[in-house]
Amino acid sequence: MARLRINGPAVAAFVGISTALLFVLYSNQNIFVPNNEERAAKVHLLILSSWRSGSSFIGQIFSQHPDVFYLMEPAWHVWVAMFQNNANVLHMAVRDLIRSVFLCDMSVFDAYMTGKRNVSDLFQWAVSRALCSFPACNSYTRDDITNEMSCKKKCGKYPFSKIEEACKTYSHIVLKEVRFFDLKVLYPLLNDPSLNIKILHLIRDPRAVVKSREQSLKALSRDNGIVLNTNGTKVDDTKYEVMRAICRSHVQIYETASHKTPSFLKDRYMLVRYEDVVRDPLREITEMYKFANLKMTNKLKNWIFNITHGQGPGNKKEAFKITSRDAVNVSQAWRHILSFQKIKKIQDVCKGAMNMFGYQMIDSEKEQKDLSVDFVLPRRQYQFRWASSNGKK
């Protein structure tokens, strides 16, 4: 039987039409109602971050929880299929895919994948504990802490339909995305009565982000081109223009959520700094779980300690893998590796974001090398609202 392969322009046209229809539905609450009450009872958590900000680690914190169905960057498929467009154009397509996945409707991937598919055709599927355990795979239980490499060997050949089947059995659906640059794009989802979305906004010191990005230049070059609107041309970002866009987006997202906060965002936005998580993992992760209506377990406590107190510094060849390492030392590695000239350039393009989120500037190479000086302000000393879930300043 012949199969139709959908090209980029066709996908764009289809997404445009569907987006327009969805906008009408979102705008008129009287004609759009949830299919059933169970959908609204689920918790839908969207982790918003940027590349190399520790988001894979935070994603695993949720993925390993037995109540969570987790997917890492499902919108990767949109950007691969439509790479000649820019990030702003793709926002709508990404948003619509995210909505469908939150509702466990995996037919949305039909526009971006062709042919008979297995679970292994989904981007980074093996980092999802839910896709490595029943009912997606029979090799693990929900209480197990799964391993990516082991999961790839045992669970990849299950049919793609298992993803949707598994999704429907969980109370919490968590998605991690690095492809949103404007919180307002998500307003239709936040107003959608069939969803119960919370936003966890993860940021990291831009100097540490650049250090990590330099380990993954080739892997990020296509994404850089989409951010910079190069019509499909890959970019290495030696001038830090992508970092400029990323820092601006973090400021925009935070300001939108915290200044004259829309009523539908109340108690649904939480800002997290990666540095705070690695310095006091149990406290910070417990707070994130609380925000998402999840409970900490003893098994997760032990795993969190082990994953943040290992001896490994991290391997360049494993830039997208989560391994046991000393997380605090890793978070400060940029001070040993980046030149002072690079640090000055990064500080210049990200000055606004650094001032807003408590990352102090380094004024000399001597300061850079003096590890007794901390350039991340303690959270208690920095006055802005970290989580609207508890109403505290």
Protein backbone atom coordinates (compact mmCIF):
# COMPACT_ATOMS: atom_id res chain seq x y z
CA MET A 1 0.00 0.00 0.00
CA ALA A 2 1.47 3.35 -1.05
CA ARG A 3 2.04 5.94 1.65
CA LEU A 4 1.92 9.68 1.23
CA ARG A 5 5.02 11.58 2.32
CA ILE A 6 4.19 15.08 3.51
CA ASN A 7 6.75 17.77 2.70
CA GLY A 8 7.58 20.86 4.74
CA PRO A 9 5.28 23.36 2.93
CA ALA A 10 2.38 20.92 3.10
CA VAL A 11 2.92 20.47 6.82
CA ALA A 12 3.07 24.22 7.28
CA ALA A 13 -0.21 24.72 5.40
CA PHE A 14 -1.91 21.95 7.38
CA VAL A 15 -0.67 23.35 10.69
CA GLY A 16 -1.77 26.84 9.73
CA ILE A 17 -5.32 25.73 9.02
CA SER A 18 -5.55 23.58 12.15
CA THR A 19 -4.10 26.38 14.27
CA ALA A 20 -6.70 28.83 13.00
CA LEU A 21 -9.48 26.40 13.84
CA LEU A 22 -8.05 25.73 17.28
CA PHE A 23 -7.76 29.44 17.95
CA VAL A 24 -11.48 29.85 17.29
CA LEU A 25 -12.23 26.99 19.65
CA TYR A 26 -9.98 28.35 22.36
CA SER A 27 -11.47 31.83 22.00
CA ASN A 28 -15.06 30.68 22.42
CA GLN A 29 -15.30 28.75 25.66
CA ASN A 30 -19.01 28.18 25.10
CA ILE A 31 -18.50 25.88 22.13
CA PHE A 32 -15.32 24.09 23.19
CA VAL A 33 -15.75 21.73 26.14
CA PRO A 34 -13.57 18.88 27.38
CA ASN A 35 -14.45 15.42 26.12
CA ASN A 36 -14.53 14.10 29.67
CA GLU A 37 -13.82 15.17 33.22
CA GLU A 38 -10.89 12.81 33.59
CA ARG A 39 -8.74 14.89 31.23
CA ALA A 40 -9.05 18.01 33.35
CA ALA A 41 -8.22 15.97 36.46
CA LYS A 42 -4.79 15.08 35.08
CA VAL A 43 -1.82 17.33 35.78
CA HIS A 44 -0.01 18.58 32.68
CA LEU A 45 3.44 20.00 33.47
CA LEU A 46 5.47 21.79 30.81
CA ILE A 47 9.16 22.28 31.63
CA LEU A 48 10.28 25.36 29.69
CA SER A 49 13.99 25.85 29.26
CA SER A 50 16.73 26.22 26.65
CA TRP A 51 19.43 23.93 25.30
CA ARG A 52 22.19 22.93 27.75
CA SER A 53 20.51 24.45 30.80
CA GLY A 54 20.25 21.27 32.84
CA SER A 55 16.78 20.54 31.52
CA SER A 56 17.56 16.90 30.71
CA PHE A 57 18.47 16.40 34.37
CA ILE A 58 15.30 18.12 35.59
CA GLY A 59 13.32 16.08 33.09
CA GLN A 60 14.72 12.88 34.61
CA ILE A 61 13.70 14.05 38.07
CA PHE A 62 10.12 13.85 36.85
CA SER A 63 10.52 10.95 34.43
CA GLN A 64 11.62 8.55 37.18
CA HIS A 65 8.56 9.31 39.31
CA PRO A 66 6.09 6.37 39.15
CA ASP A 67 3.09 8.67 38.59
CA VAL A 68 4.60 10.50 35.60
CA PHE A 69 4.41 9.95 31.87
CA TYR A 70 7.35 11.96 30.51
CA LEU A 71 8.56 12.86 27.04
CA MET A 72 11.71 14.81 26.23
CA GLU A 73 11.28 17.45 23.52
CA PRO A 74 8.60 15.91 21.32
CA ALA A 75 8.64 19.12 19.26
CA TRP A 76 12.03 18.06 17.92
CA HIS A 77 10.04 16.30 15.19
CA VAL A 78 8.42 19.60 14.16
CA TRP A 79 11.75 21.39 13.84
CA VAL A 80 13.30 18.54 11.85
CA ALA A 81 10.39 18.42 9.39
CA MET A 82 10.14 22.21 8.99
CA PHE A 83 13.74 23.35 9.54
CA GLN A 84 13.59 26.02 6.83
CA ASN A 85 11.22 28.09 8.96
CA ASN A 86 12.14 30.23 11.95
CA ALA A 87 11.29 29.63 15.59
CA ASN A 88 8.45 32.16 15.66
CA VAL A 89 6.73 30.58 12.68
CA LEU A 90 7.07 27.13 14.24
CA HIS A 91 5.65 28.22 17.60
CA MET A 92 2.11 27.42 16.52
CA ALA A 93 2.96 23.97 15.18
CA VAL A 94 4.93 23.18 18.34
CA ARG A 95 2.08 24.37 20.54
CA ASP A 96 -0.47 22.25 18.72
CA LEU A 97 1.73 19.16 18.97
CA ILE A 98 2.22 19.78 22.70
CA ARG A 99 -1.52 20.06 23.22
CA SER A 100 -2.18 16.76 21.45
CA VAL A 101 0.52 14.96 23.42
CA PHE A 102 -0.85 16.31 26.70
CA LEU A 103 -4.18 14.78 25.69
CA CYS A 104 -2.42 11.50 24.83
CA ASP A 105 -3.33 11.85 21.15
CA MET A 106 -0.19 10.60 19.45
CA SER A 107 -1.72 10.70 15.96
CA VAL A 108 -0.27 14.22 15.82
CA PHE A 109 3.08 12.63 14.93
CA ASP A 110 1.59 11.31 11.66
CA ALA A 111 2.38 14.69 10.08
CA TYR A 112 6.06 14.34 10.92
CA MET A 113 6.71 10.60 10.64
CA THR A 114 5.95 8.14 7.85
CA GLY A 115 5.64 4.39 7.57
CA LYS A 116 5.14 1.74 10.21
CA ARG A 117 6.67 2.98 13.44
CA ASN A 118 8.04 1.56 16.66
CA VAL A 119 8.44 3.32 20.00
CA SER A 120 12.12 3.82 19.11
CA ASP A 121 11.15 6.24 16.30
CA LEU A 122 10.23 8.87 18.90
CA PHE A 123 13.01 11.34 19.72
CA GLN A 124 14.87 10.43 22.94
CA TRP A 125 12.18 7.88 23.85
CA ALA A 126 14.49 5.80 26.05
CA VAL A 127 14.93 8.57 28.64
CA SER A 128 11.24 8.15 29.49
CA ARG A 129 10.77 5.69 32.34
CA ALA A 130 7.12 5.38 31.27
CA LEU A 131 8.14 4.00 27.87
CA CYS A 132 10.45 1.49 29.53
CA SER A 133 7.82 0.06 31.89
CA PHE A 134 4.36 -1.47 31.72
CA PRO A 135 2.19 -1.06 29.67
CA ALA A 136 4.64 0.36 27.10
CA CYS A 137 7.24 -2.34 27.83
CA ASN A 138 7.17 -5.40 30.05
CA SER A 139 10.79 -5.22 31.18
CA TYR A 140 10.35 -2.79 34.10
CA THR A 141 7.78 -1.83 36.72
CA ARG A 142 6.70 1.74 37.39
CA ASP A 143 8.64 1.79 40.64
CA ASP A 144 11.91 0.89 38.95
CA ILE A 145 14.62 3.47 38.25
CA THR A 146 15.29 2.80 34.58
CA ASN A 147 18.51 3.06 32.61
CA GLU A 148 18.52 4.54 29.11
CA MET A 149 20.93 2.05 27.56
CA SER A 150 19.18 -0.96 29.05
CA CYS A 151 15.82 0.38 27.94
CA LYS A 152 17.04 0.79 24.36
CA LYS A 153 18.01 -2.88 24.25
CA LYS A 154 14.74 -4.18 25.70
CA CYS A 155 11.91 -1.83 24.73
CA GLY A 156 12.57 -0.16 21.38
CA LYS A 157 10.73 -2.65 19.14
CA TYR A 158 7.31 -2.23 20.73
CA PRO A 159 4.71 -0.64 18.38
CA PHE A 160 4.30 3.15 18.37
CA SER A 161 0.71 2.74 19.62
CA LYS A 162 2.15 1.75 23.01
CA ILE A 163 3.09 5.39 23.60
CA GLU A 164 -0.54 6.50 23.55
CA GLU A 165 -1.66 3.45 25.49
CA ALA A 166 0.83 4.16 28.26
CA CYS A 167 0.11 7.89 28.35
CA LYS A 168 -3.56 7.31 29.14
CA THR A 169 -2.74 5.35 32.30
CA TYR A 170 -0.88 8.16 34.14
CA SER A 171 -2.16 10.95 36.40
CA HIS A 172 0.70 13.29 35.46
CA ILE A 173 1.99 14.08 31.98
CA VAL A 174 5.27 15.99 31.89
CA LEU A 175 6.87 17.37 28.74
CA LYS A 176 10.22 19.12 28.51
CA GLU A 177 10.66 21.68 25.72
CA VAL A 178 13.42 24.08 24.64
CA ARG A 179 11.56 25.40 21.59
CA PHE A 180 9.31 28.08 23.07
CA PHE A 181 10.60 31.66 23.15
CA ASP A 182 7.38 33.45 24.10
CA LEU A 183 5.06 32.53 26.97
CA LYS A 184 2.10 34.22 25.29
CA VAL A 185 2.13 31.51 22.63
CA LEU A 186 0.95 29.16 25.38
CA TYR A 187 -2.04 31.26 26.45
CA PRO A 188 -4.52 29.15 24.41
CA LEU A 189 -3.32 26.02 26.22
CA LEU A 190 -3.52 27.68 29.61
CA ASN A 191 -7.10 28.69 28.80
CA ASP A 192 -8.02 25.28 27.40
CA PRO A 193 -10.55 23.62 29.79
CA SER A 194 -9.46 20.15 28.71
CA LEU A 195 -5.96 20.79 30.10
CA ASN A 196 -4.58 21.43 33.57
CA ILE A 197 -1.22 22.97 32.66
CA LYS A 198 1.51 24.17 34.98
CA ILE A 199 4.70 25.85 33.77
CA LEU A 200 8.09 25.05 35.32
CA HIS A 201 10.57 27.60 33.95
CA LEU A 202 14.20 26.48 34.27
CA ILE A 203 17.10 28.89 33.83
CA ARG A 204 20.87 28.60 34.20
CA ASP A 205 23.86 30.93 34.32
CA PRO A 206 24.47 31.86 30.63
CA ARG A 207 28.22 31.36 31.10
CA ALA A 208 27.63 27.75 32.14
CA VAL A 209 25.20 27.32 29.26
CA VAL A 210 27.80 28.44 26.72
CA LYS A 211 30.42 26.14 28.20
CA SER A 212 28.01 23.23 27.79
CA ARG A 213 26.90 24.31 24.31
CA GLU A 214 30.52 24.30 23.13
CA GLN A 215 30.60 20.56 23.85
CA SER A 216 27.66 20.06 21.45
CA LEU A 217 28.28 22.53 18.60
CA LYS A 218 27.48 20.12 15.78
CA ALA A 219 24.33 18.80 17.44
CA LEU A 220 22.99 22.33 17.94
CA SER A 221 23.91 23.89 14.59
CA ARG A 222 20.57 23.19 12.86
CA ASP A 223 18.59 24.50 15.83
CA ASN A 224 20.79 27.61 15.81
CA GLY A 225 19.82 28.23 12.20
CA ILE A 226 16.12 28.02 13.03
CA VAL A 227 16.53 30.46 15.93
CA LEU A 228 18.45 32.91 13.71
CA ASN A 229 16.11 32.44 10.71
CA THR A 230 18.76 31.32 8.20
CA ASN A 231 16.34 29.44 5.93
CA GLY A 232 17.79 26.04 6.75
CA THR A 233 21.47 26.95 6.95
CA LYS A 234 23.29 25.55 9.98
CA VAL A 235 25.06 27.98 12.32
CA ASP A 236 27.80 27.49 14.93
CA ASP A 237 26.87 30.70 16.85
CA THR A 238 30.42 31.91 17.43
CA LYS A 239 29.05 35.43 17.94
CA TYR A 240 26.56 34.30 20.60
CA GLU A 241 23.53 35.59 18.73
CA VAL A 242 21.56 32.48 19.70
CA MET A 243 22.52 33.10 23.33
CA ARG A 244 21.25 36.65 22.98
CA ALA A 245 17.88 35.30 21.75
CA ILE A 246 17.77 32.70 24.53
CA CYS A 247 18.50 35.24 27.28
CA ARG A 248 15.88 37.61 25.91
CA SER A 249 13.33 34.81 25.84
CA HIS A 250 13.94 33.94 29.50
CA VAL A 251 13.42 37.58 30.45
CA GLN A 252 10.25 37.76 28.36
CA ILE A 253 8.81 34.57 29.82
CA TYR A 254 9.54 35.61 33.40
CA GLU A 255 8.24 39.16 32.96
CA THR A 256 5.06 37.90 31.30
CA ALA A 257 4.43 35.50 34.16
CA SER A 258 5.35 37.82 37.04
CA HIS A 259 4.43 41.38 36.03
CA LYS A 260 0.67 41.93 35.84
CA THR A 261 0.23 38.19 35.86
CA PRO A 262 -2.84 37.02 33.90
CA SER A 263 -5.45 35.41 36.16
CA PHE A 264 -5.15 32.09 34.35
CA LEU A 265 -1.45 31.89 35.32
CA LYS A 266 -2.08 32.18 39.05
CA ASP A 267 -0.49 29.26 40.91
CA ARG A 268 0.61 27.74 37.59
CA TYR A 269 4.11 29.17 37.08
CA MET A 270 7.32 28.36 38.92
CA LEU A 271 10.80 29.69 38.19
CA VAL A 272 13.78 27.45 39.03
CA ARG A 273 17.51 28.14 38.80
CA TYR A 274 19.64 25.12 37.97
CA GLU A 275 22.30 26.29 40.43
CA ASP A 276 19.82 26.20 43.33
CA VAL A 277 18.80 22.66 42.43
CA VAL A 278 22.34 21.25 42.40
CA ARG A 279 23.29 23.02 45.64
CA ASP A 280 20.34 21.70 47.61
CA PRO A 281 18.79 18.97 45.45
CA LEU A 282 16.39 17.40 47.91
CA ARG A 283 14.84 20.67 49.05
CA GLU A 284 14.48 22.13 45.57
CA ILE A 285 13.20 18.92 43.98
CA THR A 286 10.71 18.43 46.80
CA GLU A 287 9.40 21.93 46.06
CA MET A 288 9.11 21.13 42.36
CA TYR A 289 7.23 17.93 43.14
CA LYS A 290 4.93 19.87 45.44
CA PHE A 291 4.25 22.38 42.67
CA ALA A 292 3.31 19.49 40.37
CA ASN A 293 1.20 17.73 43.02
CA LEU A 294 3.65 14.84 43.32
CA LYS A 295 5.05 13.18 46.44
CA MET A 296 8.67 12.31 47.09
CA THR A 297 9.45 8.63 47.67
CA ASN A 298 12.36 7.05 49.53
CA LYS A 299 13.60 5.37 46.37
CA LEU A 300 13.65 8.72 44.57
CA LYS A 301 15.46 10.37 47.49
CA ASN A 302 18.26 7.81 47.25
CA TRP A 303 18.46 8.09 43.47
CA ILE A 304 18.57 11.89 43.59
CA PHE A 305 21.44 11.79 46.09
CA ASN A 306 23.40 9.31 44.00
CA ILE A 307 22.87 11.17 40.71
CA THR A 308 24.05 14.49 42.20
CA HIS A 309 26.99 13.20 44.27
CA GLY A 310 28.90 11.02 41.82
CA GLN A 311 32.55 11.36 40.91
CA GLY A 312 32.18 11.70 37.15
CA PRO A 313 32.69 15.18 35.64
CA GLY A 314 30.61 14.37 32.57
CA ASN A 315 31.83 13.21 29.18
CA LYS A 316 31.79 15.28 26.00
CA LYS A 317 30.56 12.24 24.10
CA GLU A 318 27.65 12.01 26.52
CA ALA A 319 26.54 15.61 26.34
CA PHE A 320 22.87 14.65 26.27
CA LYS A 321 23.06 11.81 28.80
CA ILE A 322 22.40 11.90 32.53
CA THR A 323 25.20 10.24 34.52
CA SER A 324 26.19 10.30 38.17
CA ARG A 325 28.46 13.26 38.83
CA ASP A 326 29.28 15.99 41.34
CA ALA A 327 26.59 18.40 40.22
CA VAL A 328 27.94 21.42 42.10
CA ASN A 329 31.38 21.10 40.52
CA VAL A 330 29.82 20.63 37.09
CA SER A 331 27.79 23.81 37.54
CA GLN A 332 31.03 25.76 38.16
CA ALA A 333 33.12 24.13 35.42
CA TRP A 334 32.79 27.15 33.12
CA ARG A 335 35.07 29.14 35.41
CA HIS A 336 37.94 26.74 34.65
CA ILE A 337 37.28 26.23 30.94
CA LEU A 338 36.05 29.49 29.38
CA SER A 339 38.52 32.27 28.67
CA PHE A 340 37.89 35.63 30.31
CA GLN A 341 37.38 37.16 26.84
CA LYS A 342 34.54 34.72 26.14
CA ILE A 343 33.02 35.41 29.53
CA LYS A 344 32.98 39.14 28.80
CA LYS A 345 31.18 38.54 25.47
CA ILE A 346 28.58 36.31 27.09
CA GLN A 347 28.00 38.83 29.86
CA ASP A 348 27.53 41.55 27.25
CA VAL A 349 24.84 39.72 25.24
CA CYS A 350 23.04 38.39 28.35
CA LYS A 351 23.47 41.31 30.74
CA GLY A 352 19.74 41.91 31.22
CA ALA A 353 18.96 38.29 32.03
CA MET A 354 21.94 37.94 34.35
CA ASN A 355 20.93 41.03 36.33
CA MET A 356 17.34 39.85 36.55
CA PHE A 357 18.09 36.32 37.74
CA GLY A 358 20.92 36.96 40.18
CA TYR A 359 24.02 36.07 38.16
CA GLN A 360 26.75 38.57 39.03
CA MET A 361 29.25 39.87 36.49
CA ILE A 362 32.92 38.96 36.57
CA ASP A 363 35.17 41.97 36.03
CA SER A 364 38.60 40.37 35.80
CA GLU A 365 40.40 37.10 35.19
CA LYS A 366 41.51 37.20 38.82
CA GLU A 367 37.88 37.19 39.96
CA GLN A 368 37.12 34.35 37.57
CA LYS A 369 39.81 32.13 39.12
CA ASP A 370 38.99 33.01 42.73
CA LEU A 371 36.63 30.17 43.59
CA SER A 372 36.02 31.59 47.07
CA VAL A 373 33.82 34.21 45.39
CA ASP A 374 30.37 33.04 44.35
CA PHE A 375 28.86 34.80 41.34
CA VAL A 376 25.41 33.31 41.82
CA LEU A 377 23.45 35.30 44.39
CA PRO A 378 21.77 33.15 47.05
CA ARG A 379 18.07 32.88 46.43
CA ARG A 380 17.13 34.29 49.83
CA GLN A 381 19.03 37.48 49.02
CA TYR A 382 17.44 38.01 45.67
CA GLN A 383 14.08 39.72 45.63
CA PHE A 384 11.75 38.35 43.03
CA ARG A 385 8.98 35.84 43.00
CA TRP A 386 10.36 32.37 42.40
CA ALA A 387 7.11 30.44 42.46
CA SER A 388 3.61 31.83 42.22
CA SER A 389 2.30 28.52 43.54
CA ASN A 390 2.72 29.63 47.13
CA GLY A 391 2.35 33.37 46.74
CA LYS A 392 5.64 34.05 48.53
CA LYS A 393 8.21 36.62 47.54
